[in-house]
Amino acid sequence: MDSEARRKKQQELVAELLERKIRLHARHLYDQRGQVDGHALQDWVQAESEVLGKSIMAPFYRKLRANQAPESANSTQLAGCESGQ
């Protein structure tokens, strides 16, 4: 595997790890609110803000997500967030 492919794979793994942390925190927010449905996007945005606010990898994560197709990124985030609820 060349260095470019290895770098890209590492970036994908870091982004997946951050997204997993965000998803878990969104689930925590959902549980804190008494598992009331209808707030998945709010939970996701708050969790993303809080998790990325503590991460030195936040600029990298945001850049990587901005380069993805917006429709697929949003549906993945919401599907993951809602499936945990």
C-alpha atoms as a PDB file:
ATOM      1  CA  MET A   1       0.000   0.000   0.000  1.00  0.00           C
ATOM      2  CA  ASP A   2       1.484   3.333  -0.968  1.00  0.00           C
ATOM      3  CA  SER A   3       1.732   6.258   1.448  1.00  0.00           C
ATOM      4  CA  GLU A   4      -1.185   8.162  -0.135  1.00  0.00           C
ATOM      5  CA  ALA A   5      -3.539   5.192   0.220  1.00  0.00           C
ATOM      6  CA  ARG A   6      -2.355   4.619   3.794  1.00  0.00           C
ATOM      7  CA  ARG A   7      -2.912   8.289   4.661  1.00  0.00           C
ATOM      8  CA  LYS A   8      -6.398   8.219   3.182  1.00  0.00           C
ATOM      9  CA  LYS A   9      -7.266   5.056   5.117  1.00  0.00           C
ATOM     10  CA  GLN A  10      -6.020   6.628   8.366  1.00  0.00           C
ATOM     11  CA  GLN A  11      -8.123   9.721   7.716  1.00  0.00           C
ATOM     12  CA  GLU A  12     -11.199   7.578   7.127  1.00  0.00           C
ATOM     13  CA  LEU A  13     -10.599   5.688  10.363  1.00  0.00           C
ATOM     14  CA  VAL A  14     -10.219   8.910  12.373  1.00  0.00           C
ATOM     15  CA  ALA A  15     -13.420  10.300  10.858  1.00  0.00           C
ATOM     16  CA  GLU A  16     -15.261   7.057  11.674  1.00  0.00           C
ATOM     17  CA  LEU A  17     -14.022   7.190  15.262  1.00  0.00           C
ATOM     18  CA  LEU A  18     -15.175  10.783  15.694  1.00  0.00           C
ATOM     19  CA  GLU A  19     -18.529   9.997  14.114  1.00  0.00           C
ATOM     20  CA  ARG A  20     -18.971   7.035  16.486  1.00  0.00           C
ATOM     21  CA  LYS A  21     -18.259   9.324  19.462  1.00  0.00           C
ATOM     22  CA  ILE A  22     -20.780  11.840  18.144  1.00  0.00           C
ATOM     23  CA  ARG A  23     -23.397   9.124  17.652  1.00  0.00           C
ATOM     24  CA  LEU A  24     -22.874   7.813  21.185  1.00  0.00           C
ATOM     25  CA  HIS A  25     -23.128  11.296  22.637  1.00  0.00           C
ATOM     26  CA  ALA A  26     -26.309  11.980  20.620  1.00  0.00           C
ATOM     27  CA  ARG A  27     -27.748   8.771  22.094  1.00  0.00           C
ATOM     28  CA  HIS A  28     -26.767   9.986  25.559  1.00  0.00           C
ATOM     29  CA  LEU A  29     -28.610  13.275  24.943  1.00  0.00           C
ATOM     30  CA  TYR A  30     -31.668  11.335  23.749  1.00  0.00           C
ATOM     31  CA  ASP A  31     -31.592   9.212  26.906  1.00  0.00           C
ATOM     32  CA  GLN A  32     -31.145  12.280  29.124  1.00  0.00           C
ATOM     33  CA  ARG A  33     -34.246  13.845  27.602  1.00  0.00           C
ATOM     34  CA  GLY A  34     -36.287  10.770  28.500  1.00  0.00           C
ATOM     35  CA  GLN A  35     -36.078   9.137  25.063  1.00  0.00           C
ATOM     36  CA  VAL A  36     -38.522  11.606  23.520  1.00  0.00           C
ATOM     37  CA  ASP A  37     -38.526  11.184  19.736  1.00  0.00           C
ATOM     38  CA  GLY A  38     -38.390  13.996  17.209  1.00  0.00           C
ATOM     39  CA  HIS A  39     -35.112  15.636  18.221  1.00  0.00           C
ATOM     40  CA  ALA A  40     -32.567  13.544  16.297  1.00  0.00           C
ATOM     41  CA  LEU A  41     -31.131  16.453  14.329  1.00  0.00           C
ATOM     42  CA  GLN A  42     -30.913  18.660  17.416  1.00  0.00           C
ATOM     43  CA  ASP A  43     -29.212  15.855  19.342  1.00  0.00           C
ATOM     44  CA  TRP A  44     -26.779  15.239  16.492  1.00  0.00           C
ATOM     45  CA  VAL A  45     -25.820  18.902  16.111  1.00  0.00           C
ATOM     46  CA  GLN A  46     -25.359  19.355  19.857  1.00  0.00           C
ATOM     47  CA  ALA A  47     -23.347  16.148  20.158  1.00  0.00           C
ATOM     48  CA  GLU A  48     -21.200  17.062  17.151  1.00  0.00           C
ATOM     49  CA  SER A  49     -20.507  20.500  18.624  1.00  0.00           C
ATOM     50  CA  GLU A  50     -19.589  19.105  22.028  1.00  0.00           C
ATOM     51  CA  VAL A  51     -17.453  16.215  20.774  1.00  0.00           C
ATOM     52  CA  LEU A  52     -15.622  18.276  18.157  1.00  0.00           C
ATOM     53  CA  GLY A  53     -15.168  21.120  20.626  1.00  0.00           C
ATOM     54  CA  LYS A  54     -12.929  18.791  22.635  1.00  0.00           C
ATOM     55  CA  SER A  55     -11.047  17.305  19.686  1.00  0.00           C
ATOM     56  CA  ILE A  56      -7.918  18.579  18.003  1.00  0.00           C
ATOM     57  CA  MET A  57      -9.125  16.633  14.964  1.00  0.00           C
ATOM     58  CA  ALA A  58     -12.235  18.831  14.539  1.00  0.00           C
ATOM     59  CA  PRO A  59     -10.911  20.856  11.555  1.00  0.00           C
ATOM     60  CA  PHE A  60      -9.894  17.654   9.791  1.00  0.00           C
ATOM     61  CA  TYR A  61     -13.287  16.025  10.473  1.00  0.00           C
ATOM     62  CA  ARG A  62     -15.200  19.061   9.220  1.00  0.00           C
ATOM     63  CA  LYS A  63     -13.070  19.275   6.079  1.00  0.00           C
ATOM     64  CA  LEU A  64     -13.515  15.585   5.329  1.00  0.00           C
ATOM     65  CA  ARG A  65     -17.285  15.773   5.836  1.00  0.00           C
ATOM     66  CA  ALA A  66     -17.537  18.938   3.723  1.00  0.00           C
ATOM     67  CA  ASN A  67     -15.861  17.087   0.851  1.00  0.00           C
ATOM     68  CA  GLN A  68     -18.471  14.328   0.990  1.00  0.00           C
ATOM     69  CA  ALA A  69     -21.778  14.587  -0.823  1.00  0.00           C
ATOM     70  CA  PRO A  70     -24.049  16.559   1.551  1.00  0.00           C
ATOM     71  CA  GLU A  71     -27.081  14.343   0.944  1.00  0.00           C
ATOM     72  CA  SER A  72     -25.282  11.110   1.766  1.00  0.00           C
ATOM     73  CA  ALA A  73     -23.534  12.591   4.816  1.00  0.00           C
ATOM     74  CA  ASN A  74     -26.775  13.932   6.299  1.00  0.00           C
ATOM     75  CA  SER A  75     -28.719  10.733   5.712  1.00  0.00           C
ATOM     76  CA  THR A  76     -25.917   8.671   7.246  1.00  0.00           C
ATOM     77  CA  GLN A  77     -25.773  10.869  10.327  1.00  0.00           C
ATOM     78  CA  LEU A  78     -29.517  10.919  10.892  1.00  0.00           C
ATOM     79  CA  ALA A  79     -29.947   7.228  10.165  1.00  0.00           C
ATOM     80  CA  GLY A  80     -27.236   6.377  12.652  1.00  0.00           C
ATOM     81  CA  CYS A  81     -28.635   8.733  15.238  1.00  0.00           C
ATOM     82  CA  GLU A  82     -32.231   7.570  14.850  1.00  0.00           C
ATOM     83  CA  SER A  83     -31.386   3.890  14.694  1.00  0.00           C
ATOM     84  CA  GLY A  84     -29.809   4.230  18.129  1.00  0.00           C
ATOM     85  CA  GLN A  85     -33.001   5.697  19.541  1.00  0.00           C
END
